[in-house]
Every structure is written in structure tokens, then in C-alpha cells.
């Protein structure tokens, strides 16, 4: 039975809501990394002003947090995101910036020597993350971009979200683990995951969603 589940997808795809509701419905612990903000030594800096070094520092910080949080639940967990997410954010932030103006594929974009050097560091962290994921999870449940971003001041734009999936999906495939695309309303998504995993619902789906949404 699938017990170590990662809910994955681009920024604003509904990962947090679904991961928390799935945790509520199944009783499996919910895990995540802390929000990726304010690097040590750069407190108070807005995301647009992070240096490449600070960006990589936060990537390593969240990598360590996810590893420890997930290892604390050997019997199973629901991960909001996955160990590969921070690498993908860092790679795109380095190459495209948070608000890329074109949807040109990531691999086709120009890098100067400095950017290429930092990207190489990020990609080596990514290789480590992919390798770790192979034994950290049982399956990924990918949420395609179906909903608009709801934040008033998002740190990224819609093109960044699309490019995130462009990098994410091949990385998930490289793990060799099952990757299930999950679409629909939150209730439909939740039911689909329960059907695929065979996990019993200890709380009704609607009640689980209401509990997470504070109704």
C-alpha cells in the first residue's frame, strides 16, 4: 500500500490544500519545508533581491528540513511538495528570474558564465534530490495547473509556473517512481488519490476538506 505520498505541482496548483486534506482524511502525518524566505544573513530581503548564493542557501536549508521531517515518519506521510521542488525553484529563479517574460523552454535560454556556474551548483543539488526521492517516496501525485494564483502579490508569474512543470515532470520521471496526474475539484482529486493508493479514509472527504478550509 502506498504510504509515503508526495503531492507535487507548480506554485499555486493546490498542493497545500490537497496535502492537508489527504492527511486529515487518512490520518497520515502532513509534512513540508518552511516557507522559502529570508536567507540567513539576508533578513528582510525581498525575493527579487536575493543573491544567487542566498537562493542556494535556502535550497539546501529546505532540503535538510524536508529530509528530517519525512524521516520522522517512517510509517508514512503526506508531503506538501517534494524534495526536488526547491532545486527546481532555484534553477528557474537563476535562469529566468521570478517573472519571465517569455515561455521559451528553459534549456534554450541564454546563460552568462556566472549564471551557468550557479545553475551547475543548483543542478548538482537537484541530482542529489532526485536520488534521495527514489527511496523517500512511494508515489508522486502531480497537480496540473488548473487554477489561477490567488495571492495578491505572488513572487512569480504564470509563465514561471508553466516552466516549473517543464522541469519538474522529467525530474519525477527520473526517479522511476509512479507519477499520477490528478485533476478536478479538491474533492475529486482527493477521491482519486484514495482510489489509486487504496488508503482507507478515516474521515469523510467533505469533512476533511471542511476541516482544512476552516468551515
N, C-alpha and C. Protein backbone atom coordinates (compact mmCIF):
# COMPACT_ATOMS: atom_id res chain seq x y z
N UNK A 1 0.85 -1.21 0.00
CA UNK A 1 0.00 0.00 0.00
C UNK A 1 0.87 1.25 0.00
N UNK A 2 0.51 2.24 -0.82
CA UNK A 2 1.25 3.49 -0.88
C UNK A 2 1.05 4.27 0.42
N UNK A 3 2.14 4.54 1.10
CA UNK A 3 2.06 5.24 2.39
C UNK A 3 2.87 6.53 2.41
N UNK A 4 3.89 6.65 1.55
CA UNK A 4 4.74 7.84 1.54
C UNK A 4 4.43 8.61 0.26
N UNK A 5 3.59 9.60 0.41
CA UNK A 5 2.99 10.28 -0.74
C UNK A 5 3.50 11.71 -0.84
N UNK A 6 3.88 12.11 -2.05
CA UNK A 6 4.27 13.49 -2.30
C UNK A 6 3.26 14.12 -3.25
N UNK A 7 2.67 15.22 -2.82
CA UNK A 7 1.74 15.98 -3.65
C UNK A 7 2.56 17.07 -4.34
N UNK A 8 2.67 17.00 -5.66
CA UNK A 8 3.60 17.87 -6.37
C UNK A 8 2.89 18.68 -7.44
N UNK A 9 3.52 19.75 -7.86
CA UNK A 9 2.97 20.60 -8.89
C UNK A 9 3.56 21.99 -8.78
N UNK A 10 3.21 22.84 -9.72
CA UNK A 10 3.73 24.20 -9.74
C UNK A 10 3.12 25.03 -8.62
N UNK A 11 3.70 26.20 -8.42
CA UNK A 11 3.22 27.15 -7.43
C UNK A 11 1.73 27.45 -7.69
N UNK A 12 0.91 27.38 -6.64
CA UNK A 12 -0.49 27.72 -6.76
C UNK A 12 -1.36 26.66 -7.39
N UNK A 13 -0.86 25.42 -7.47
CA UNK A 13 -1.65 24.36 -8.10
C UNK A 13 -2.61 23.67 -7.13
N UNK A 14 -2.53 24.03 -5.85
CA UNK A 14 -3.43 23.44 -4.86
C UNK A 14 -2.80 22.37 -4.00
N UNK A 15 -1.46 22.32 -3.97
CA UNK A 15 -0.76 21.27 -3.22
C UNK A 15 -1.09 21.29 -1.74
N UNK A 16 -1.01 22.47 -1.14
CA UNK A 16 -1.16 22.55 0.32
C UNK A 16 -2.56 22.13 0.76
N UNK A 17 -3.57 22.62 0.09
CA UNK A 17 -4.94 22.24 0.44
C UNK A 17 -5.13 20.74 0.32
N UNK A 18 -4.68 20.16 -0.80
CA UNK A 18 -4.89 18.74 -1.02
C UNK A 18 -4.07 17.90 -0.04
N UNK A 19 -2.82 18.29 0.20
CA UNK A 19 -1.97 17.52 1.12
C UNK A 19 -2.55 17.53 2.53
N UNK A 20 -3.01 18.69 2.98
CA UNK A 20 -3.59 18.77 4.32
C UNK A 20 -4.90 17.99 4.41
N UNK A 21 -5.72 18.07 3.37
CA UNK A 21 -6.99 17.34 3.38
C UNK A 21 -6.75 15.84 3.33
N UNK A 22 -5.75 15.41 2.55
CA UNK A 22 -5.43 13.98 2.47
C UNK A 22 -4.91 13.48 3.81
N UNK A 23 -4.12 14.30 4.47
CA UNK A 23 -3.64 13.94 5.81
C UNK A 23 -4.82 13.81 6.77
N UNK A 24 -5.75 14.75 6.68
CA UNK A 24 -6.93 14.72 7.55
C UNK A 24 -7.78 13.47 7.27
N UNK A 25 -7.91 13.14 5.98
CA UNK A 25 -8.77 12.01 5.59
C UNK A 25 -8.17 10.66 5.96
N UNK A 26 -6.85 10.53 5.86
CA UNK A 26 -6.20 9.24 6.07
C UNK A 26 -5.57 9.06 7.45
N UNK A 27 -5.30 10.18 8.13
CA UNK A 27 -4.60 10.10 9.41
C UNK A 27 -3.10 10.05 9.28
N UNK A 28 -2.58 10.05 8.04
CA UNK A 28 -1.13 10.08 7.85
C UNK A 28 -0.60 11.48 8.14
N UNK A 29 0.59 11.59 8.74
CA UNK A 29 1.12 12.91 9.10
C UNK A 29 1.37 13.79 7.86
N UNK A 30 1.16 15.08 8.03
CA UNK A 30 1.43 16.08 6.99
C UNK A 30 2.84 16.63 7.19
N UNK A 31 3.63 16.69 6.13
CA UNK A 31 4.98 17.24 6.23
C UNK A 31 5.21 18.28 5.16
N UNK A 32 6.16 19.18 5.43
CA UNK A 32 6.51 20.22 4.47
C UNK A 32 7.85 20.82 4.86
N UNK A 33 8.38 21.68 4.00
CA UNK A 33 9.51 22.52 4.38
C UNK A 33 8.96 23.88 4.77
N UNK A 34 9.75 24.67 5.47
CA UNK A 34 9.29 26.01 5.83
C UNK A 34 9.24 26.87 4.57
N UNK A 35 8.53 27.98 4.67
CA UNK A 35 8.44 28.88 3.53
C UNK A 35 9.83 29.34 3.12
N UNK A 36 10.05 29.44 1.82
CA UNK A 36 11.37 29.79 1.30
C UNK A 36 11.52 31.31 1.30
N UNK A 37 11.93 31.85 2.45
CA UNK A 37 12.07 33.30 2.55
C UNK A 37 13.16 33.66 3.56
N UNK A 38 13.72 34.83 3.39
CA UNK A 38 14.70 35.43 4.29
C UNK A 38 15.89 34.53 4.60
N UNK A 39 16.88 34.51 3.71
CA UNK A 39 18.10 33.73 3.97
C UNK A 39 18.86 34.26 5.18
N UNK A 40 19.59 33.37 5.83
CA UNK A 40 20.41 33.77 6.97
C UNK A 40 21.48 34.75 6.48
N UNK A 41 21.57 35.89 7.13
CA UNK A 41 22.49 36.92 6.69
C UNK A 41 21.85 37.90 5.74
N UNK A 42 20.64 37.60 5.31
CA UNK A 42 19.94 38.49 4.39
C UNK A 42 18.52 38.76 4.83
N UNK A 43 18.29 38.80 6.15
CA UNK A 43 16.96 39.01 6.68
C UNK A 43 16.39 40.33 6.17
N UNK A 44 15.10 40.28 5.83
CA UNK A 44 14.45 41.49 5.35
C UNK A 44 14.56 41.71 3.86
N UNK A 45 15.30 40.85 3.17
CA UNK A 45 15.44 40.98 1.72
C UNK A 45 14.24 40.40 1.01
N UNK A 46 13.71 41.13 0.05
CA UNK A 46 12.63 40.62 -0.78
C UNK A 46 13.20 39.57 -1.74
N UNK A 47 12.34 38.64 -2.18
CA UNK A 47 12.78 37.57 -3.07
C UNK A 47 13.49 38.09 -4.32
N UNK A 48 13.07 39.25 -4.81
CA UNK A 48 13.69 39.79 -6.02
C UNK A 48 15.14 40.21 -5.78
N UNK A 49 15.50 40.40 -4.52
CA UNK A 49 16.84 40.90 -4.19
C UNK A 49 17.78 39.84 -3.65
N UNK A 50 17.34 38.58 -3.61
CA UNK A 50 18.22 37.52 -3.14
C UNK A 50 19.39 37.36 -4.11
N UNK A 51 20.57 37.16 -3.55
CA UNK A 51 21.72 36.83 -4.38
C UNK A 51 21.64 35.35 -4.76
N UNK A 52 22.36 34.93 -5.82
CA UNK A 52 22.38 33.50 -6.14
C UNK A 52 22.84 32.64 -4.98
N UNK A 53 23.82 33.13 -4.21
CA UNK A 53 24.30 32.37 -3.07
C UNK A 53 23.22 32.20 -2.01
N UNK A 54 22.45 33.25 -1.76
CA UNK A 54 21.37 33.17 -0.77
C UNK A 54 20.27 32.22 -1.26
N UNK A 55 19.99 32.24 -2.53
CA UNK A 55 19.00 31.34 -3.10
C UNK A 55 19.41 29.88 -2.90
N UNK A 56 20.68 29.58 -3.15
CA UNK A 56 21.16 28.22 -2.97
C UNK A 56 21.19 27.84 -1.49
N UNK A 57 21.50 28.81 -0.64
CA UNK A 57 21.47 28.54 0.81
C UNK A 57 20.08 28.09 1.25
N UNK A 58 19.04 28.78 0.78
CA UNK A 58 17.68 28.41 1.15
C UNK A 58 17.29 27.06 0.56
N UNK A 59 17.79 26.75 -0.61
CA UNK A 59 17.52 25.45 -1.22
C UNK A 59 18.06 24.32 -0.35
N UNK A 60 19.29 24.48 0.12
CA UNK A 60 19.90 23.46 0.97
C UNK A 60 19.17 23.39 2.31
N UNK A 61 18.78 24.54 2.84
CA UNK A 61 18.06 24.59 4.12
C UNK A 61 16.76 23.79 4.04
N UNK A 62 15.99 24.02 2.99
CA UNK A 62 14.72 23.31 2.88
C UNK A 62 14.92 21.84 2.52
N UNK A 63 15.98 21.53 1.79
CA UNK A 63 16.30 20.13 1.51
C UNK A 63 16.50 19.39 2.84
N UNK A 64 17.29 20.00 3.73
CA UNK A 64 17.56 19.36 5.02
C UNK A 64 16.28 19.25 5.84
N UNK A 65 15.45 20.29 5.83
CA UNK A 65 14.21 20.26 6.61
C UNK A 65 13.27 19.16 6.11
N UNK A 66 13.12 19.07 4.81
CA UNK A 66 12.23 18.03 4.27
C UNK A 66 12.75 16.63 4.64
N UNK A 67 14.05 16.43 4.50
CA UNK A 67 14.63 15.12 4.80
C UNK A 67 14.35 14.73 6.25
N UNK A 68 14.59 15.65 7.17
CA UNK A 68 14.37 15.37 8.59
C UNK A 68 12.89 15.16 8.90
N UNK A 69 12.04 16.02 8.34
CA UNK A 69 10.60 15.91 8.61
C UNK A 69 10.03 14.59 8.11
N UNK A 70 10.44 14.18 6.91
CA UNK A 70 9.92 12.94 6.36
C UNK A 70 10.49 11.72 7.08
N UNK A 71 11.76 11.78 7.46
CA UNK A 71 12.39 10.66 8.16
C UNK A 71 11.76 10.44 9.54
N UNK A 72 11.12 11.47 10.08
CA UNK A 72 10.49 11.35 11.39
C UNK A 72 9.20 10.53 11.34
N UNK A 73 8.76 10.18 10.10
CA UNK A 73 7.51 9.42 9.95
C UNK A 73 7.74 8.21 9.05
N UNK A 74 8.50 7.23 9.53
CA UNK A 74 8.84 6.07 8.69
C UNK A 74 7.63 5.23 8.28
N UNK A 75 6.53 5.33 9.01
CA UNK A 75 5.35 4.53 8.68
C UNK A 75 4.52 5.15 7.58
N UNK A 76 4.86 6.38 7.18
CA UNK A 76 4.12 7.03 6.11
C UNK A 76 3.84 8.48 6.40
N UNK A 77 3.60 9.26 5.34
CA UNK A 77 3.36 10.69 5.48
C UNK A 77 2.75 11.22 4.18
N UNK A 78 2.22 12.44 4.26
CA UNK A 78 1.76 13.18 3.09
C UNK A 78 2.64 14.41 2.99
N UNK A 79 3.44 14.49 1.93
CA UNK A 79 4.37 15.60 1.77
C UNK A 79 3.76 16.68 0.88
N UNK A 80 3.77 17.90 1.38
CA UNK A 80 3.33 19.07 0.62
C UNK A 80 4.51 19.52 -0.24
N UNK A 81 4.52 19.08 -1.51
CA UNK A 81 5.70 19.27 -2.34
C UNK A 81 6.58 18.03 -2.24
N UNK A 82 7.83 18.20 -2.59
CA UNK A 82 8.76 17.07 -2.52
C UNK A 82 10.18 17.57 -2.40
N UNK A 83 11.09 16.66 -2.25
CA UNK A 83 12.49 17.00 -2.06
C UNK A 83 13.10 17.67 -3.29
N UNK A 84 12.45 17.53 -4.46
CA UNK A 84 13.01 18.13 -5.68
C UNK A 84 12.51 19.56 -5.92
N UNK A 85 11.51 20.01 -5.19
CA UNK A 85 10.88 21.28 -5.50
C UNK A 85 11.80 22.49 -5.34
N UNK A 86 12.58 22.52 -4.28
CA UNK A 86 13.40 23.70 -4.04
C UNK A 86 14.49 23.85 -5.10
N UNK A 87 15.03 22.71 -5.56
CA UNK A 87 16.01 22.78 -6.64
C UNK A 87 15.39 23.40 -7.89
N UNK A 88 14.17 22.98 -8.24
CA UNK A 88 13.53 23.50 -9.44
C UNK A 88 13.29 24.99 -9.32
N UNK A 89 12.83 25.43 -8.14
CA UNK A 89 12.62 26.86 -7.94
C UNK A 89 13.93 27.61 -8.11
N UNK A 90 14.99 27.11 -7.49
CA UNK A 90 16.28 27.79 -7.58
C UNK A 90 16.78 27.85 -9.02
N UNK A 91 16.69 26.74 -9.74
CA UNK A 91 17.15 26.70 -11.13
C UNK A 91 16.43 27.74 -11.98
N UNK A 92 15.10 27.77 -11.87
CA UNK A 92 14.33 28.71 -12.67
C UNK A 92 14.58 30.15 -12.24
N UNK A 93 14.69 30.37 -10.95
CA UNK A 93 14.94 31.73 -10.45
C UNK A 93 16.27 32.25 -10.99
N UNK A 94 17.27 31.36 -11.09
CA UNK A 94 18.58 31.76 -11.61
C UNK A 94 18.53 32.05 -13.10
N UNK A 95 17.84 31.19 -13.85
CA UNK A 95 17.87 31.27 -15.31
C UNK A 95 16.85 32.26 -15.87
N UNK A 96 15.65 32.31 -15.29
CA UNK A 96 14.58 33.12 -15.87
C UNK A 96 14.19 34.33 -15.04
N UNK A 97 14.57 34.35 -13.75
CA UNK A 97 14.02 35.34 -12.86
C UNK A 97 12.62 34.92 -12.44
N UNK A 98 12.04 35.56 -11.44
CA UNK A 98 10.74 35.13 -10.93
C UNK A 98 9.58 35.46 -11.87
N UNK A 99 9.77 36.41 -12.76
CA UNK A 99 8.68 36.80 -13.67
C UNK A 99 9.19 36.80 -15.11
N UNK A 100 9.48 35.62 -15.66
CA UNK A 100 9.97 35.56 -17.04
C UNK A 100 8.94 36.11 -18.02
N UNK A 101 9.43 36.83 -19.01
CA UNK A 101 8.53 37.47 -19.96
C UNK A 101 8.22 36.62 -21.17
N UNK A 102 8.88 35.49 -21.29
CA UNK A 102 8.65 34.60 -22.43
C UNK A 102 8.57 33.17 -21.95
N UNK A 103 7.81 32.36 -22.66
CA UNK A 103 7.68 30.95 -22.31
C UNK A 103 8.69 30.07 -23.01
N UNK A 104 9.77 30.65 -23.53
CA UNK A 104 10.80 29.86 -24.21
C UNK A 104 11.29 28.76 -23.30
N UNK A 105 11.51 27.55 -23.82
CA UNK A 105 11.96 26.43 -22.98
C UNK A 105 13.21 26.79 -22.18
N UNK A 106 13.29 26.23 -20.99
CA UNK A 106 14.41 26.55 -20.09
C UNK A 106 15.75 26.20 -20.74
N UNK A 107 15.83 25.04 -21.37
CA UNK A 107 17.10 24.60 -21.93
C UNK A 107 17.59 25.49 -23.07
N UNK A 108 16.69 26.24 -23.70
CA UNK A 108 17.08 27.06 -24.85
C UNK A 108 17.50 28.48 -24.46
N UNK A 109 17.40 28.80 -23.20
CA UNK A 109 17.66 30.18 -22.76
C UNK A 109 19.16 30.46 -22.60
N UNK A 110 19.51 31.71 -22.84
CA UNK A 110 20.90 32.14 -22.70
C UNK A 110 21.29 32.23 -21.23
N UNK A 111 22.49 31.78 -20.91
CA UNK A 111 23.09 31.96 -19.59
C UNK A 111 24.45 32.62 -19.76
N UNK A 112 24.74 33.63 -18.95
CA UNK A 112 26.11 34.12 -18.93
C UNK A 112 26.95 33.17 -18.08
N UNK A 113 28.23 33.38 -18.02
CA UNK A 113 29.12 32.44 -17.33
C UNK A 113 28.81 32.34 -15.85
N UNK A 114 28.50 33.46 -15.24
CA UNK A 114 28.21 33.44 -13.80
C UNK A 114 26.92 32.68 -13.52
N UNK A 115 25.88 32.96 -14.29
CA UNK A 115 24.61 32.25 -14.11
C UNK A 115 24.78 30.76 -14.34
N UNK A 116 25.53 30.41 -15.39
CA UNK A 116 25.74 29.00 -15.70
C UNK A 116 26.45 28.29 -14.56
N UNK A 117 27.39 28.99 -13.91
CA UNK A 117 28.13 28.38 -12.80
C UNK A 117 27.21 28.11 -11.61
N UNK A 118 26.38 29.09 -11.28
CA UNK A 118 25.43 28.88 -10.18
C UNK A 118 24.40 27.81 -10.54
N UNK A 119 23.97 27.79 -11.78
CA UNK A 119 23.00 26.77 -12.20
C UNK A 119 23.59 25.38 -12.09
N UNK A 120 24.88 25.25 -12.37
CA UNK A 120 25.53 23.95 -12.24
C UNK A 120 25.49 23.47 -10.79
N UNK A 121 25.71 24.39 -9.86
CA UNK A 121 25.60 24.04 -8.44
C UNK A 121 24.18 23.59 -8.12
N UNK A 122 23.19 24.37 -8.59
CA UNK A 122 21.78 24.01 -8.34
C UNK A 122 21.45 22.65 -8.93
N UNK A 123 21.93 22.39 -10.14
CA UNK A 123 21.61 21.11 -10.79
C UNK A 123 22.25 19.93 -10.07
N UNK A 124 23.40 20.14 -9.47
CA UNK A 124 24.02 19.06 -8.70
C UNK A 124 23.24 18.79 -7.42
N UNK A 125 22.68 19.84 -6.82
CA UNK A 125 21.76 19.63 -5.70
C UNK A 125 20.54 18.87 -6.18
N UNK A 126 20.08 19.21 -7.39
CA UNK A 126 18.92 18.53 -7.96
C UNK A 126 19.17 17.04 -8.17
N UNK A 127 20.37 16.69 -8.62
CA UNK A 127 20.70 15.26 -8.81
C UNK A 127 20.65 14.52 -7.48
N UNK A 128 21.13 15.18 -6.44
CA UNK A 128 21.07 14.59 -5.10
C UNK A 128 19.63 14.42 -4.65
N UNK A 129 18.79 15.43 -4.95
CA UNK A 129 17.39 15.37 -4.55
C UNK A 129 16.66 14.23 -5.27
N UNK A 130 16.90 14.09 -6.57
CA UNK A 130 16.26 13.02 -7.34
C UNK A 130 16.67 11.66 -6.80
N UNK A 131 17.95 11.52 -6.51
CA UNK A 131 18.43 10.24 -5.97
C UNK A 131 17.78 9.93 -4.63
N UNK A 132 17.67 10.94 -3.78
CA UNK A 132 17.04 10.74 -2.48
C UNK A 132 15.57 10.37 -2.64
N UNK A 133 14.90 11.03 -3.59
CA UNK A 133 13.46 10.79 -3.78
C UNK A 133 13.15 9.35 -4.12
N UNK A 134 14.07 8.67 -4.77
CA UNK A 134 13.84 7.28 -5.19
C UNK A 134 13.53 6.36 -4.02
N UNK A 135 14.08 6.67 -2.86
CA UNK A 135 13.84 5.84 -1.68
C UNK A 135 12.99 6.54 -0.62
N UNK A 136 12.70 7.83 -0.84
CA UNK A 136 11.95 8.60 0.16
C UNK A 136 10.45 8.49 -0.01
N UNK A 137 9.98 8.24 -1.25
CA UNK A 137 8.55 8.23 -1.54
C UNK A 137 8.12 6.91 -2.19
N UNK A 138 6.83 6.67 -2.12
CA UNK A 138 6.24 5.54 -2.85
C UNK A 138 5.63 5.98 -4.17
N UNK A 139 5.13 7.22 -4.21
CA UNK A 139 4.49 7.72 -5.43
C UNK A 139 4.35 9.23 -5.37
N UNK A 140 4.29 9.83 -6.56
CA UNK A 140 4.02 11.25 -6.70
C UNK A 140 2.61 11.43 -7.26
N UNK A 141 1.92 12.45 -6.77
CA UNK A 141 0.62 12.82 -7.33
C UNK A 141 0.75 14.26 -7.82
N UNK A 142 0.76 14.39 -9.15
CA UNK A 142 1.02 15.69 -9.77
C UNK A 142 -0.27 16.43 -10.05
N UNK A 143 -0.32 17.69 -9.64
CA UNK A 143 -1.47 18.55 -9.88
C UNK A 143 -1.16 19.50 -11.03
N UNK A 144 -1.75 19.28 -12.19
CA UNK A 144 -1.55 20.22 -13.30
C UNK A 144 -2.07 21.60 -12.93
N UNK A 145 -1.65 22.60 -13.67
CA UNK A 145 -2.11 23.97 -13.42
C UNK A 145 -3.55 24.10 -13.92
N UNK A 146 -4.49 24.15 -13.00
CA UNK A 146 -5.90 24.28 -13.35
C UNK A 146 -6.51 25.55 -12.77
N UNK A 147 -5.89 26.09 -11.72
CA UNK A 147 -6.47 27.23 -11.02
C UNK A 147 -5.54 28.44 -11.11
N UNK A 148 -6.09 29.66 -11.16
CA UNK A 148 -5.26 30.87 -11.16
C UNK A 148 -4.63 31.08 -9.79
N UNK A 149 -3.53 31.80 -9.76
CA UNK A 149 -2.91 32.14 -8.48
C UNK A 149 -3.83 33.09 -7.73
N UNK A 150 -3.97 32.85 -6.43
CA UNK A 150 -4.91 33.64 -5.63
C UNK A 150 -4.24 34.75 -4.84
N UNK A 151 -2.92 34.66 -4.67
CA UNK A 151 -2.21 35.67 -3.88
C UNK A 151 -2.26 37.03 -4.56
N UNK A 152 -2.35 38.08 -3.78
CA UNK A 152 -2.39 39.42 -4.34
C UNK A 152 -1.04 39.85 -4.89
N UNK A 153 0.02 39.40 -4.24
CA UNK A 153 1.36 39.78 -4.68
C UNK A 153 2.24 38.54 -4.81
N UNK A 154 1.96 37.69 -5.77
CA UNK A 154 2.73 36.45 -5.90
C UNK A 154 4.19 36.74 -6.27
N UNK A 155 5.12 35.91 -5.80
CA UNK A 155 6.53 36.13 -6.12
C UNK A 155 6.92 35.65 -7.51
N UNK A 156 5.97 35.05 -8.24
CA UNK A 156 6.25 34.54 -9.57
C UNK A 156 5.06 34.85 -10.48
N UNK A 157 5.22 34.60 -11.79
CA UNK A 157 4.09 34.79 -12.69
C UNK A 157 3.66 33.46 -13.29
N UNK A 158 2.65 33.50 -14.15
CA UNK A 158 2.10 32.26 -14.72
C UNK A 158 3.09 31.55 -15.62
N UNK A 159 3.94 32.30 -16.32
CA UNK A 159 4.94 31.66 -17.17
C UNK A 159 5.91 30.86 -16.31
N UNK A 160 6.30 31.41 -15.17
CA UNK A 160 7.19 30.70 -14.24
C UNK A 160 6.54 29.39 -13.81
N UNK A 161 5.24 29.41 -13.55
CA UNK A 161 4.54 28.18 -13.16
C UNK A 161 4.61 27.13 -14.26
N UNK A 162 4.39 27.55 -15.50
CA UNK A 162 4.43 26.61 -16.62
C UNK A 162 5.83 26.03 -16.79
N UNK A 163 6.85 26.87 -16.67
CA UNK A 163 8.22 26.40 -16.80
C UNK A 163 8.58 25.46 -15.65
N UNK A 164 7.99 25.68 -14.48
CA UNK A 164 8.26 24.80 -13.33
C UNK A 164 7.86 23.36 -13.66
N UNK A 165 6.69 23.20 -14.24
CA UNK A 165 6.25 21.86 -14.62
C UNK A 165 7.14 21.28 -15.72
N UNK A 166 7.65 22.14 -16.59
CA UNK A 166 8.54 21.69 -17.67
C UNK A 166 9.79 21.02 -17.10
N UNK A 167 10.28 21.53 -15.98
CA UNK A 167 11.47 20.95 -15.33
C UNK A 167 11.08 19.84 -14.37
N UNK A 168 9.95 20.01 -13.69
CA UNK A 168 9.53 19.05 -12.66
C UNK A 168 9.22 17.68 -13.23
N UNK A 169 8.44 17.61 -14.28
CA UNK A 169 7.96 16.31 -14.76
C UNK A 169 9.08 15.37 -15.21
N UNK A 170 10.09 15.84 -15.94
CA UNK A 170 11.21 14.94 -16.27
C UNK A 170 11.98 14.49 -15.03
N UNK A 171 12.09 15.38 -14.03
CA UNK A 171 12.79 15.01 -12.80
C UNK A 171 12.03 13.91 -12.07
N UNK A 172 10.71 14.01 -12.02
CA UNK A 172 9.91 12.96 -11.39
C UNK A 172 10.07 11.64 -12.15
N UNK A 173 10.08 11.72 -13.47
CA UNK A 173 10.26 10.50 -14.28
C UNK A 173 11.60 9.85 -13.99
N UNK A 174 12.63 10.67 -13.74
CA UNK A 174 13.97 10.14 -13.47
C UNK A 174 14.03 9.34 -12.17
N UNK A 175 13.08 9.56 -11.28
CA UNK A 175 13.09 8.80 -10.02
C UNK A 175 12.67 7.35 -10.24
N UNK A 176 11.94 7.09 -11.32
CA UNK A 176 11.44 5.74 -11.57
C UNK A 176 10.20 5.40 -10.76
N UNK A 177 9.69 6.35 -10.00
CA UNK A 177 8.51 6.11 -9.17
C UNK A 177 7.24 6.41 -9.96
N UNK A 178 6.11 5.86 -9.53
CA UNK A 178 4.85 6.19 -10.20
C UNK A 178 4.52 7.67 -10.07
N UNK A 179 4.07 8.27 -11.18
CA UNK A 179 3.64 9.67 -11.18
C UNK A 179 2.21 9.70 -11.71
N UNK A 180 1.28 10.11 -10.87
CA UNK A 180 -0.13 10.12 -11.24
C UNK A 180 -0.59 11.57 -11.41
N UNK A 181 -1.16 11.91 -12.56
CA UNK A 181 -1.73 13.23 -12.77
C UNK A 181 -3.14 13.24 -12.16
N UNK A 182 -3.39 14.23 -11.30
CA UNK A 182 -4.66 14.30 -10.59
C UNK A 182 -5.33 15.64 -10.90
N UNK A 183 -6.51 15.57 -11.51
CA UNK A 183 -7.23 16.79 -11.89
C UNK A 183 -8.59 16.83 -11.22
N UNK A 184 -9.27 17.97 -11.38
CA UNK A 184 -10.63 18.09 -10.87
C UNK A 184 -10.74 19.01 -9.67
N UNK A 185 -11.89 19.02 -9.06
CA UNK A 185 -12.11 19.80 -7.85
C UNK A 185 -11.29 19.18 -6.71
N UNK A 186 -11.11 19.92 -5.62
CA UNK A 186 -10.39 19.32 -4.49
C UNK A 186 -10.99 17.99 -4.04
N UNK A 187 -12.31 17.89 -3.99
CA UNK A 187 -12.95 16.64 -3.57
C UNK A 187 -12.67 15.52 -4.57
N UNK A 188 -12.73 15.85 -5.86
CA UNK A 188 -12.46 14.85 -6.89
C UNK A 188 -11.00 14.41 -6.84
N UNK A 189 -10.11 15.34 -6.64
CA UNK A 189 -8.69 15.00 -6.53
C UNK A 189 -8.44 14.07 -5.35
N UNK A 190 -9.05 14.42 -4.23
CA UNK A 190 -8.86 13.62 -3.02
C UNK A 190 -9.38 12.20 -3.21
N UNK A 191 -10.54 12.06 -3.82
CA UNK A 191 -11.11 10.73 -4.05
C UNK A 191 -10.24 9.92 -4.99
N UNK A 192 -9.70 10.56 -6.02
CA UNK A 192 -8.84 9.85 -6.98
C UNK A 192 -7.59 9.30 -6.29
N UNK A 193 -7.00 10.08 -5.40
CA UNK A 193 -5.80 9.60 -4.70
C UNK A 193 -6.15 8.43 -3.79
N UNK A 194 -7.26 8.52 -3.09
CA UNK A 194 -7.68 7.41 -2.23
C UNK A 194 -7.92 6.15 -3.05
N UNK A 195 -8.51 6.32 -4.22
CA UNK A 195 -8.77 5.16 -5.08
C UNK A 195 -7.47 4.53 -5.57
N UNK A 196 -6.51 5.35 -5.96
CA UNK A 196 -5.24 4.84 -6.50
C UNK A 196 -4.40 4.18 -5.41
N UNK A 197 -4.34 4.80 -4.25
CA UNK A 197 -3.47 4.29 -3.20
C UNK A 197 -4.08 3.15 -2.42
N UNK A 198 -5.40 3.10 -2.37
CA UNK A 198 -6.05 2.10 -1.54
C UNK A 198 -6.05 2.45 -0.07
N UNK A 199 -5.68 3.69 0.25
CA UNK A 199 -5.69 4.11 1.65
C UNK A 199 -7.13 4.27 2.14
N UNK A 200 -7.43 3.75 3.32
CA UNK A 200 -8.78 3.92 3.86
C UNK A 200 -8.98 5.34 4.38
N UNK A 201 -10.16 5.88 4.18
CA UNK A 201 -10.49 7.20 4.70
C UNK A 201 -11.05 7.05 6.11
N UNK A 202 -10.35 7.63 7.07
CA UNK A 202 -10.83 7.59 8.45
C UNK A 202 -11.74 8.78 8.74
N UNK A 203 -11.72 9.76 7.82
CA UNK A 203 -12.60 10.92 7.90
C UNK A 203 -13.22 11.11 6.52
N UNK A 204 -14.51 11.41 6.48
CA UNK A 204 -15.20 11.65 5.21
C UNK A 204 -14.49 12.76 4.42
N UNK A 205 -14.46 12.63 3.09
CA UNK A 205 -13.75 13.58 2.23
C UNK A 205 -14.24 15.01 2.45
N UNK A 206 -15.54 15.21 2.44
CA UNK A 206 -16.07 16.55 2.61
C UNK A 206 -15.72 17.12 3.99
N UNK A 207 -15.75 16.28 5.00
CA UNK A 207 -15.37 16.73 6.34
C UNK A 207 -13.89 17.06 6.42
N UNK A 208 -13.06 16.27 5.72
CA UNK A 208 -11.63 16.54 5.70
C UNK A 208 -11.34 17.88 5.05
N UNK A 209 -12.00 18.16 3.94
CA UNK A 209 -11.81 19.43 3.26
C UNK A 209 -12.34 20.59 4.10
N UNK A 210 -13.48 20.40 4.74
CA UNK A 210 -14.04 21.45 5.60
C UNK A 210 -13.10 21.75 6.76
N UNK A 211 -12.49 20.72 7.33
CA UNK A 211 -11.58 20.92 8.46
C UNK A 211 -10.37 21.74 8.03
N UNK A 212 -9.86 21.48 6.85
CA UNK A 212 -8.68 22.20 6.35
C UNK A 212 -9.04 23.65 5.98
N UNK A 213 -10.21 23.81 5.40
CA UNK A 213 -10.62 25.16 4.98
C UNK A 213 -11.24 25.96 6.10
N UNK A 214 -11.33 25.36 7.29
CA UNK A 214 -11.80 26.08 8.46
C UNK A 214 -13.29 26.33 8.49
N UNK A 215 -14.04 25.43 7.82
CA UNK A 215 -15.50 25.62 7.81
C UNK A 215 -16.14 24.92 9.01
